[in-house]
């Protein structure tokens, strides 16, 4: 919401006001949905505890299925990845190695106590 209107982002952006004037509609990262109507309230946002999952780090490797916390949002690795920021799920979900957990999945994780912390580094695939 911005100045009484609802907008949706076309792509990831930072610091771009939705109502900045542009010559072409294709130049703005925002699409105007419409005005906020009287009596409307925003959907509640889930509070994600900091200790619900390990924080993502760029130097760690992640196997498909592993869950991390990044900037207050939970993500699940879709396949093996290292150095790919979970933020990429916002830019192009079809090519990102990460997917954003939906509200039901987050609620289930919170109720179950979260993801167990990593106890050892992932194997490098070498033999003993």
Protein backbone atom coordinates (compact mmCIF):
# COMPACT_ATOMS: atom_id res chain seq x y z
CA UNK A 1 0.00 0.00 0.00
CA UNK A 2 1.24 3.44 -0.82
CA UNK A 3 -0.66 6.72 -0.34
CA UNK A 4 -4.08 5.07 -0.27
CA UNK A 5 -3.53 2.73 -3.23
CA UNK A 6 -2.60 -0.93 -3.54
CA UNK A 7 0.29 -1.85 -5.83
CA UNK A 8 1.91 -5.13 -6.80
CA UNK A 9 5.58 -5.40 -7.73
CA UNK A 10 6.37 -6.53 -11.27
CA UNK A 11 9.92 -7.40 -10.21
CA UNK A 12 12.21 -7.00 -7.20
CA UNK A 13 13.05 -3.39 -6.47
CA UNK A 14 14.26 -1.24 -3.63
CA UNK A 15 13.63 2.45 -3.06
CA UNK A 16 11.31 2.88 -6.04
CA UNK A 17 8.13 4.69 -4.99
CA UNK A 18 5.08 3.24 -6.74
CA UNK A 19 3.87 6.67 -7.81
CA UNK A 20 7.13 7.93 -9.36
CA UNK A 21 6.27 9.44 -12.74
CA UNK A 22 7.51 7.49 -15.79
CA UNK A 23 7.10 7.98 -19.53
CA UNK A 24 6.20 4.35 -20.26
CA UNK A 25 4.29 1.93 -18.01
CA UNK A 26 7.01 -0.66 -18.68
CA UNK A 27 9.56 1.54 -16.86
CA UNK A 28 7.95 1.23 -13.43
CA UNK A 29 8.40 -1.84 -11.23
CA UNK A 30 4.84 -1.40 -9.92
CA UNK A 31 1.32 -2.13 -11.15
CA UNK A 32 -1.54 -0.15 -9.62
CA UNK A 33 -4.24 -2.54 -8.38
CA UNK A 34 -6.63 0.12 -7.07
CA UNK A 35 -7.57 2.24 -4.08
CA UNK A 36 -7.82 0.97 -0.53
CA UNK A 37 -11.52 0.86 0.25
CA UNK A 38 -13.06 2.05 3.51
CA UNK A 39 -13.09 -0.73 6.10
CA UNK A 40 -10.35 -2.79 4.45
CA UNK A 41 -7.55 -4.02 6.66
CA UNK A 42 -4.36 -5.79 5.64
CA UNK A 43 -4.09 -9.55 6.02
CA UNK A 44 -2.23 -10.48 9.18
CA UNK A 45 1.41 -11.38 8.69
CA UNK A 46 2.86 -14.39 10.40
CA UNK A 47 5.57 -13.69 12.91
CA UNK A 48 8.51 -15.99 12.18
CA UNK A 49 10.70 -16.58 15.26
CA UNK A 50 14.43 -16.05 14.65
CA UNK A 51 15.24 -19.51 15.99
CA UNK A 52 12.73 -21.41 13.81
CA UNK A 53 15.38 -22.39 11.22
CA UNK A 54 19.08 -21.80 10.60
CA UNK A 55 19.97 -18.49 8.99
CA UNK A 56 21.07 -18.71 5.34
CA UNK A 57 24.76 -18.15 4.69
CA UNK A 58 26.32 -17.83 1.26
CA UNK A 59 29.25 -20.12 2.03
CA UNK A 60 27.12 -23.09 3.15
CA UNK A 61 25.85 -25.78 0.82
CA UNK A 62 22.21 -26.82 1.00
CA UNK A 63 20.56 -30.02 -0.16
CA UNK A 64 17.05 -30.08 -1.64
CA UNK A 65 14.46 -29.89 1.13
CA UNK A 66 16.57 -27.93 3.63
CA UNK A 67 14.86 -24.90 5.18
CA UNK A 68 16.55 -21.60 6.02
CA UNK A 69 15.56 -18.22 7.42
CA UNK A 70 16.52 -15.15 5.38
CA UNK A 71 15.35 -11.61 6.19
CA UNK A 72 12.43 -12.91 8.28
CA UNK A 73 11.14 -15.27 5.56
CA UNK A 74 11.44 -19.06 5.42
CA UNK A 75 12.72 -20.69 2.23
CA UNK A 76 13.18 -24.31 1.19
CA UNK A 77 15.95 -25.45 -1.14
CA UNK A 78 14.50 -27.05 -4.27
CA UNK A 79 17.85 -28.72 -5.13
CA UNK A 80 21.52 -28.56 -4.10
CA UNK A 81 22.73 -24.98 -3.95
CA UNK A 82 25.60 -22.87 -2.65
CA UNK A 83 25.88 -19.08 -2.79
CA UNK A 84 22.45 -18.55 -4.38
CA UNK A 85 20.52 -16.08 -2.25
CA UNK A 86 16.98 -17.11 -1.27
CA UNK A 87 15.96 -13.65 -2.49
CA UNK A 88 16.18 -15.07 -6.01
CA UNK A 89 12.84 -16.80 -5.35
CA UNK A 90 11.20 -13.36 -5.58
CA UNK A 91 12.85 -12.43 -8.87
CA UNK A 92 12.21 -15.65 -10.83
CA UNK A 93 10.62 -18.48 -8.89
CA UNK A 94 10.91 -20.89 -11.84
CA UNK A 95 14.72 -20.78 -11.96
CA UNK A 96 15.56 -20.10 -8.31
CA UNK A 97 16.91 -22.99 -6.24
CA UNK A 98 14.71 -21.64 -3.41
CA UNK A 99 10.98 -21.52 -2.86
CA UNK A 100 9.14 -19.43 -0.26
CA UNK A 101 7.22 -21.45 2.31
CA UNK A 102 3.51 -20.66 2.35
CA UNK A 103 1.61 -19.61 5.49
CA UNK A 104 0.38 -23.16 6.22
CA UNK A 105 3.93 -24.54 6.06
CA UNK A 106 5.23 -21.74 8.30
CA UNK A 107 2.44 -22.35 10.83
CA UNK A 108 3.23 -26.08 10.85
CA UNK A 109 6.93 -25.38 11.44
CA UNK A 110 6.19 -22.94 14.26
CA UNK A 111 3.83 -25.42 15.92
CA UNK A 112 6.37 -28.26 15.62
CA UNK A 113 9.17 -26.21 17.14
CA UNK A 114 11.08 -25.46 13.96
CA UNK A 115 13.92 -27.03 12.06
CA UNK A 116 16.66 -28.84 13.95
CA UNK A 117 19.94 -26.93 13.73
CA UNK A 118 22.71 -28.38 11.57
CA UNK A 119 25.03 -30.48 13.66
CA UNK A 120 27.74 -31.07 11.06
CA UNK A 121 28.87 -29.76 7.71
CA UNK A 122 27.41 -31.53 4.68
CA UNK A 123 29.57 -34.25 3.17
CA UNK A 124 31.86 -33.33 0.30
CA UNK A 125 31.07 -36.65 -1.36
CA UNK A 126 34.53 -38.10 -0.67
CA UNK A 127 34.99 -41.64 0.65
CA UNK A 128 36.42 -42.67 4.01
